[in-house]
Amino acid sequence: MNESYFEVVIGGSFDLMKGFVVGFLEGRGIEGDIFFGEDYHIERESPVGLLMRLTGTRDKTCTVIVGSGLHKLLTAALEKRRRVIPLHIVKVRQVNAAAFDILFKTYSKEIGKEINDLLSRLPEGVTRESGFEMHEKFIPEGKGIDAYAPLHDYELNGKGRISGAVKGVFDLYYRLGRFEVVELEDMELIYGEAL
């Protein structure tokens, strides 16, 4: 069964928020999944939002995704220390699923194999949505040609959308993000109830 996750939006500095969250978890010996929005490109700010923040009408906000139960401990800890630390809870929402779009192309058999393996053996609860394309080509007449030549002996390319269980999607996003030949769009969260 998939664990429930929550988006906790915190007003204040990202570095301060990350330090507080990591210190809080380590100090209490709490294990669990935690995903910071900046690491997964969740933070999307509209031009109006940017203008409001730059003029001082609105604070900078940071997002953290945490497992069920952990969000209550975290919000209680931030509330307790709000007079000492300039961080505050803006909102908390349940996250039912996550998704992202991907585009990739490589001429390396080694990298192609790794990407193909990741996209063929998806984590539990994660799927490639309809319309996802992945093409692998072997071109024997390209063997031995310079790396910058117009013909290569191997090519893997694809594009599409991946969605599903929060932990699996975040883990896959992180692993795919290591490859220079992979372009990942911002992570999209699919919400449940606001708290």
C-alpha atoms as a PDB file:
ATOM      1  CA  MET A   1       0.000   0.000   0.000  1.00  0.00           C
ATOM      2  CA  ASN A   2       1.255   3.492  -0.830  1.00  0.00           C
ATOM      3  CA  GLU A   3       2.006   5.851   2.042  1.00  0.00           C
ATOM      4  CA  SER A   4       0.133   9.151   2.195  1.00  0.00           C
ATOM      5  CA  TYR A   5       2.180  12.272   1.573  1.00  0.00           C
ATOM      6  CA  PHE A   6       1.626  15.927   2.366  1.00  0.00           C
ATOM      7  CA  GLU A   7       2.872  19.148   0.835  1.00  0.00           C
ATOM      8  CA  VAL A   8       3.918  21.605   3.524  1.00  0.00           C
ATOM      9  CA  VAL A   9       4.447  25.135   2.181  1.00  0.00           C
ATOM     10  CA  ILE A  10       6.621  27.189   4.522  1.00  0.00           C
ATOM     11  CA  GLY A  11       7.148  30.950   4.394  1.00  0.00           C
ATOM     12  CA  GLY A  12      10.779  31.947   4.771  1.00  0.00           C
ATOM     13  CA  SER A  13      14.271  31.202   3.508  1.00  0.00           C
ATOM     14  CA  PHE A  14      14.852  27.842   1.803  1.00  0.00           C
ATOM     15  CA  ASP A  15      18.233  27.300   3.463  1.00  0.00           C
ATOM     16  CA  LEU A  16      16.820  28.054   6.911  1.00  0.00           C
ATOM     17  CA  MET A  17      13.807  25.803   6.277  1.00  0.00           C
ATOM     18  CA  LYS A  18      15.971  22.933   5.008  1.00  0.00           C
ATOM     19  CA  GLY A  19      18.353  23.254   7.964  1.00  0.00           C
ATOM     20  CA  PHE A  20      15.452  23.318  10.426  1.00  0.00           C
ATOM     21  CA  VAL A  21      13.722  20.299   8.865  1.00  0.00           C
ATOM     22  CA  VAL A  22      16.883  18.186   8.606  1.00  0.00           C
ATOM     23  CA  GLY A  23      17.969  19.174  12.141  1.00  0.00           C
ATOM     24  CA  PHE A  24      14.506  18.411  13.519  1.00  0.00           C
ATOM     25  CA  LEU A  25      14.448  14.949  11.920  1.00  0.00           C
ATOM     26  CA  GLU A  26      18.009  14.107  12.955  1.00  0.00           C
ATOM     27  CA  GLY A  27      17.515  15.425  16.473  1.00  0.00           C
ATOM     28  CA  ARG A  28      14.473  13.234  16.996  1.00  0.00           C
ATOM     29  CA  GLY A  29      15.918  10.239  15.151  1.00  0.00           C
ATOM     30  CA  ILE A  30      13.023  10.232  12.690  1.00  0.00           C
ATOM     31  CA  GLU A  31      13.413   8.188   9.519  1.00  0.00           C
ATOM     32  CA  GLY A  32      11.213   8.784   6.527  1.00  0.00           C
ATOM     33  CA  ASP A  33      10.894  10.219   3.070  1.00  0.00           C
ATOM     34  CA  ILE A  34      11.324  13.928   2.649  1.00  0.00           C
ATOM     35  CA  PHE A  35      11.469  15.736  -0.685  1.00  0.00           C
ATOM     36  CA  PHE A  36      12.428  19.423  -0.916  1.00  0.00           C
ATOM     37  CA  GLY A  37      10.606  21.347  -3.637  1.00  0.00           C
ATOM     38  CA  GLU A  38      13.702  23.104  -4.981  1.00  0.00           C
ATOM     39  CA  ASP A  39      15.399  19.757  -5.597  1.00  0.00           C
ATOM     40  CA  TYR A  40      12.460  18.508  -7.692  1.00  0.00           C
ATOM     41  CA  HIS A  41      11.427  21.734  -9.419  1.00  0.00           C
ATOM     42  CA  ILE A  42       8.060  21.973  -7.683  1.00  0.00           C
ATOM     43  CA  GLU A  43       8.354  25.682  -6.955  1.00  0.00           C
ATOM     44  CA  ARG A  44       6.637  27.532  -9.778  1.00  0.00           C
ATOM     45  CA  GLU A  45       6.131  31.225  -9.252  1.00  0.00           C
ATOM     46  CA  SER A  46       3.832  33.285 -11.422  1.00  0.00           C
ATOM     47  CA  PRO A  47       4.995  36.726 -12.605  1.00  0.00           C
ATOM     48  CA  VAL A  48       2.460  38.314 -10.206  1.00  0.00           C
ATOM     49  CA  GLY A  49       3.784  36.195  -7.326  1.00  0.00           C
ATOM     50  CA  LEU A  50       7.360  37.191  -8.149  1.00  0.00           C
ATOM     51  CA  LEU A  51       6.398  40.867  -8.239  1.00  0.00           C
ATOM     52  CA  MET A  52       4.584  40.578  -4.879  1.00  0.00           C
ATOM     53  CA  ARG A  53       7.609  38.906  -3.299  1.00  0.00           C
ATOM     54  CA  LEU A  54      10.070  41.460  -4.729  1.00  0.00           C
ATOM     55  CA  THR A  55       7.972  44.382  -3.464  1.00  0.00           C
ATOM     56  CA  GLY A  56       7.738  42.821  -0.014  1.00  0.00           C
ATOM     57  CA  THR A  57       3.986  42.163  -0.156  1.00  0.00           C
ATOM     58  CA  ARG A  58       4.560  38.440   0.112  1.00  0.00           C
ATOM     59  CA  ASP A  59       7.294  36.243   1.622  1.00  0.00           C
ATOM     60  CA  LYS A  60       9.386  33.697  -0.230  1.00  0.00           C
ATOM     61  CA  THR A  61       7.860  30.262   0.206  1.00  0.00           C
ATOM     62  CA  CYS A  62       9.461  26.815   0.182  1.00  0.00           C
ATOM     63  CA  THR A  63       7.830  23.446  -0.321  1.00  0.00           C
ATOM     64  CA  VAL A  64       8.611  20.173   1.386  1.00  0.00           C
ATOM     65  CA  ILE A  65       6.837  16.855   0.756  1.00  0.00           C
ATOM     66  CA  VAL A  66       6.721  14.548   3.770  1.00  0.00           C
ATOM     67  CA  GLY A  67       5.019  11.333   4.772  1.00  0.00           C
ATOM     68  CA  SER A  68       1.778  11.190   6.702  1.00  0.00           C
ATOM     69  CA  GLY A  69       2.219  11.871  10.400  1.00  0.00           C
ATOM     70  CA  LEU A  70       5.530  13.608   9.839  1.00  0.00           C
ATOM     71  CA  HIS A  71       3.694  16.690   8.569  1.00  0.00           C
ATOM     72  CA  LYS A  72       1.939  17.031  11.938  1.00  0.00           C
ATOM     73  CA  LEU A  73       5.208  16.795  13.883  1.00  0.00           C
ATOM     74  CA  LEU A  74       6.875  19.282  11.560  1.00  0.00           C
ATOM     75  CA  THR A  75       4.071  21.850  11.673  1.00  0.00           C
ATOM     76  CA  ALA A  76       3.875  21.568  15.467  1.00  0.00           C
ATOM     77  CA  ALA A  77       7.654  22.093  15.781  1.00  0.00           C
ATOM     78  CA  LEU A  78       7.585  25.140  13.483  1.00  0.00           C
ATOM     79  CA  GLU A  79       4.624  26.601  15.362  1.00  0.00           C
ATOM     80  CA  LYS A  80       6.403  26.104  18.684  1.00  0.00           C
ATOM     81  CA  ARG A  81       9.555  27.918  17.457  1.00  0.00           C
ATOM     82  CA  ARG A  82       7.948  30.629  15.328  1.00  0.00           C
ATOM     83  CA  ARG A  83       9.056  33.447  17.679  1.00  0.00           C
ATOM     84  CA  VAL A  84      12.677  32.301  17.446  1.00  0.00           C
ATOM     85  CA  ILE A  85      12.894  31.193  13.793  1.00  0.00           C
ATOM     86  CA  PRO A  86      11.417  33.331  10.986  1.00  0.00           C
ATOM     87  CA  LEU A  87       9.522  30.449   9.366  1.00  0.00           C
ATOM     88  CA  HIS A  88       5.775  29.886   9.280  1.00  0.00           C
ATOM     89  CA  ILE A  89       3.344  27.403   7.763  1.00  0.00           C
ATOM     90  CA  VAL A  90       1.495  28.823   4.746  1.00  0.00           C
ATOM     91  CA  LYS A  91      -0.540  25.720   3.861  1.00  0.00           C
ATOM     92  CA  VAL A  92      -0.649  21.954   4.131  1.00  0.00           C
ATOM     93  CA  ARG A  93      -2.258  19.746   1.472  1.00  0.00           C
ATOM     94  CA  GLN A  94      -2.462  16.035   0.925  1.00  0.00           C
ATOM     95  CA  VAL A  95      -0.662  14.857  -2.222  1.00  0.00           C
ATOM     96  CA  ASN A  96      -2.359  11.904  -3.916  1.00  0.00           C
ATOM     97  CA  ALA A  97       0.087  11.449  -6.788  1.00  0.00           C
ATOM     98  CA  ALA A  98       2.869  13.114  -8.753  1.00  0.00           C
ATOM     99  CA  ALA A  99       3.784  13.389 -12.439  1.00  0.00           C
ATOM    100  CA  PHE A 100       6.412  14.813 -14.773  1.00  0.00           C
ATOM    101  CA  ASP A 101       7.180  15.033 -18.474  1.00  0.00           C
ATOM    102  CA  ILE A 102      10.426  13.675 -19.890  1.00  0.00           C
ATOM    103  CA  LEU A 103      12.361  14.056 -23.147  1.00  0.00           C
ATOM    104  CA  PHE A 104      15.588  12.159 -23.884  1.00  0.00           C
ATOM    105  CA  LYS A 105      17.980  11.207 -26.674  1.00  0.00           C
ATOM    106  CA  THR A 106      21.323   9.415 -26.493  1.00  0.00           C
ATOM    107  CA  TYR A 107      23.769   7.737 -28.857  1.00  0.00           C
ATOM    108  CA  SER A 108      25.553   5.891 -26.042  1.00  0.00           C
ATOM    109  CA  LYS A 109      24.633   2.213 -25.640  1.00  0.00           C
ATOM    110  CA  GLU A 110      25.672   2.267 -21.974  1.00  0.00           C
ATOM    111  CA  ILE A 111      23.571   5.303 -21.086  1.00  0.00           C
ATOM    112  CA  GLY A 112      20.752   4.035 -23.293  1.00  0.00           C
ATOM    113  CA  LYS A 113      20.714   0.732 -21.398  1.00  0.00           C
ATOM    114  CA  GLU A 114      20.543   2.504 -18.029  1.00  0.00           C
ATOM    115  CA  ILE A 115      17.707   4.808 -19.129  1.00  0.00           C
ATOM    116  CA  ASN A 116      15.854   1.945 -20.811  1.00  0.00           C
ATOM    117  CA  ASP A 117      16.168  -0.163 -17.631  1.00  0.00           C
ATOM    118  CA  LEU A 118      14.830   2.666 -15.466  1.00  0.00           C
ATOM    119  CA  LEU A 119      11.871   3.316 -17.776  1.00  0.00           C
ATOM    120  CA  SER A 120      11.097  -0.372 -18.355  1.00  0.00           C
ATOM    121  CA  ARG A 121      11.133  -1.396 -14.679  1.00  0.00           C
ATOM    122  CA  LEU A 122       9.144   1.379 -13.058  1.00  0.00           C
ATOM    123  CA  PRO A 123       8.691   1.521  -9.282  1.00  0.00           C
ATOM    124  CA  GLU A 124       5.479   0.084  -7.860  1.00  0.00           C
ATOM    125  CA  GLY A 125       2.497   2.351  -8.518  1.00  0.00           C
ATOM    126  CA  VAL A 126       4.266   4.347 -11.267  1.00  0.00           C
ATOM    127  CA  THR A 127       3.172   4.231 -14.914  1.00  0.00           C
ATOM    128  CA  ARG A 128       4.067   5.660 -18.292  1.00  0.00           C
ATOM    129  CA  GLU A 129       0.969   7.492 -19.463  1.00  0.00           C
ATOM    130  CA  SER A 130      -0.657   6.838 -22.809  1.00  0.00           C
ATOM    131  CA  GLY A 131       1.267   8.499 -25.604  1.00  0.00           C
ATOM    132  CA  PHE A 132       4.654   7.758 -24.004  1.00  0.00           C
ATOM    133  CA  GLU A 133       7.157   6.948 -26.765  1.00  0.00           C
ATOM    134  CA  MET A 134      10.528   5.227 -26.553  1.00  0.00           C
ATOM    135  CA  HIS A 135      12.478   4.125 -29.636  1.00  0.00           C
ATOM    136  CA  GLU A 136      15.722   2.202 -29.701  1.00  0.00           C
ATOM    137  CA  LYS A 137      17.634   1.911 -33.006  1.00  0.00           C
ATOM    138  CA  PHE A 138      20.649  -0.171 -33.933  1.00  0.00           C
ATOM    139  CA  ILE A 139      22.298   1.014 -37.166  1.00  0.00           C
ATOM    140  CA  PRO A 140      25.179  -1.325 -38.124  1.00  0.00           C
ATOM    141  CA  GLU A 141      26.420   0.914 -40.961  1.00  0.00           C
ATOM    142  CA  GLY A 142      27.112   3.674 -38.400  1.00  0.00           C
ATOM    143  CA  LYS A 143      29.647   1.566 -36.472  1.00  0.00           C
ATOM    144  CA  GLY A 144      33.065   3.151 -36.181  1.00  0.00           C
ATOM    145  CA  ILE A 145      32.000   6.647 -37.263  1.00  0.00           C
ATOM    146  CA  ASP A 146      33.204   9.643 -35.220  1.00  0.00           C
ATOM    147  CA  ALA A 147      31.014  10.627 -32.243  1.00  0.00           C
ATOM    148  CA  TYR A 148      30.036  13.922 -33.931  1.00  0.00           C
ATOM    149  CA  ALA A 149      29.110  12.331 -37.268  1.00  0.00           C
ATOM    150  CA  PRO A 150      25.503  12.480 -38.580  1.00  0.00           C
ATOM    151  CA  LEU A 151      25.185   8.658 -38.425  1.00  0.00           C
ATOM    152  CA  HIS A 152      25.543   6.656 -35.207  1.00  0.00           C
ATOM    153  CA  ASP A 153      25.326   2.912 -34.678  1.00  0.00           C
ATOM    154  CA  TYR A 154      22.912   3.308 -31.745  1.00  0.00           C
ATOM    155  CA  GLU A 155      20.181   5.702 -30.692  1.00  0.00           C
ATOM    156  CA  LEU A 156      17.620   5.754 -27.887  1.00  0.00           C
ATOM    157  CA  ASN A 157      15.083   8.551 -27.773  1.00  0.00           C
ATOM    158  CA  GLY A 158      11.717   9.147 -26.236  1.00  0.00           C
ATOM    159  CA  LYS A 159       9.271  11.486 -24.633  1.00  0.00           C
ATOM    160  CA  GLY A 160       6.154  11.339 -22.554  1.00  0.00           C
ATOM    161  CA  ARG A 161       4.620  11.617 -19.126  1.00  0.00           C
ATOM    162  CA  ILE A 162       5.253   9.512 -16.035  1.00  0.00           C
ATOM    163  CA  SER A 163       2.830   9.537 -13.124  1.00  0.00           C
ATOM    164  CA  GLY A 164       1.719   7.631 -10.063  1.00  0.00           C
ATOM    165  CA  ALA A 165       2.686   6.979  -6.454  1.00  0.00           C
ATOM    166  CA  VAL A 166       4.500   9.921  -4.859  1.00  0.00           C
ATOM    167  CA  LYS A 167       7.609   8.115  -3.572  1.00  0.00           C
ATOM    168  CA  GLY A 168       8.132   6.120  -6.766  1.00  0.00           C
ATOM    169  CA  VAL A 169       7.747   9.167  -9.021  1.00  0.00           C
ATOM    170  CA  PHE A 170      10.111  11.291  -6.901  1.00  0.00           C
ATOM    171  CA  ASP A 171      12.720   8.508  -6.758  1.00  0.00           C
ATOM    172  CA  LEU A 172      12.539   7.972 -10.532  1.00  0.00           C
ATOM    173  CA  TYR A 173      12.755  11.749 -11.184  1.00  0.00           C
ATOM    174  CA  TYR A 174      15.913  11.910  -9.071  1.00  0.00           C
ATOM    175  CA  ARG A 175      17.544   8.919 -10.796  1.00  0.00           C
ATOM    176  CA  LEU A 176      16.706  10.143 -14.315  1.00  0.00           C
ATOM    177  CA  GLY A 177      17.931  13.642 -13.460  1.00  0.00           C
ATOM    178  CA  ARG A 178      21.516  12.341 -13.237  1.00  0.00           C
ATOM    179  CA  PHE A 179      21.698  11.923 -17.020  1.00  0.00           C
ATOM    180  CA  GLU A 180      22.705  14.951 -19.105  1.00  0.00           C
ATOM    181  CA  VAL A 181      20.755  13.567 -22.075  1.00  0.00           C
ATOM    182  CA  VAL A 182      17.466  13.621 -20.136  1.00  0.00           C
ATOM    183  CA  GLU A 183      15.304  16.752 -19.904  1.00  0.00           C
ATOM    184  CA  LEU A 184      12.800  16.698 -17.045  1.00  0.00           C
ATOM    185  CA  GLU A 185       9.946  19.154 -16.765  1.00  0.00           C
ATOM    186  CA  ASP A 186       8.810  20.510 -13.389  1.00  0.00           C
ATOM    187  CA  MET A 187       7.230  18.014 -11.024  1.00  0.00           C
ATOM    188  CA  GLU A 188       3.438  18.253 -10.879  1.00  0.00           C
ATOM    189  CA  LEU A 189       1.591  17.353  -7.700  1.00  0.00           C
ATOM    190  CA  ILE A 190      -1.939  15.961  -7.766  1.00  0.00           C
ATOM    191  CA  TYR A 191      -3.710  17.076  -4.611  1.00  0.00           C
ATOM    192  CA  GLY A 192      -6.250  15.713  -2.197  1.00  0.00           C
ATOM    193  CA  GLU A 193      -7.608  17.669   0.744  1.00  0.00           C
ATOM    194  CA  ALA A 194      -6.204  20.916   2.111  1.00  0.00           C
ATOM    195  CA  LEU A 195      -5.661  20.976   5.870  1.00  0.00           C
END
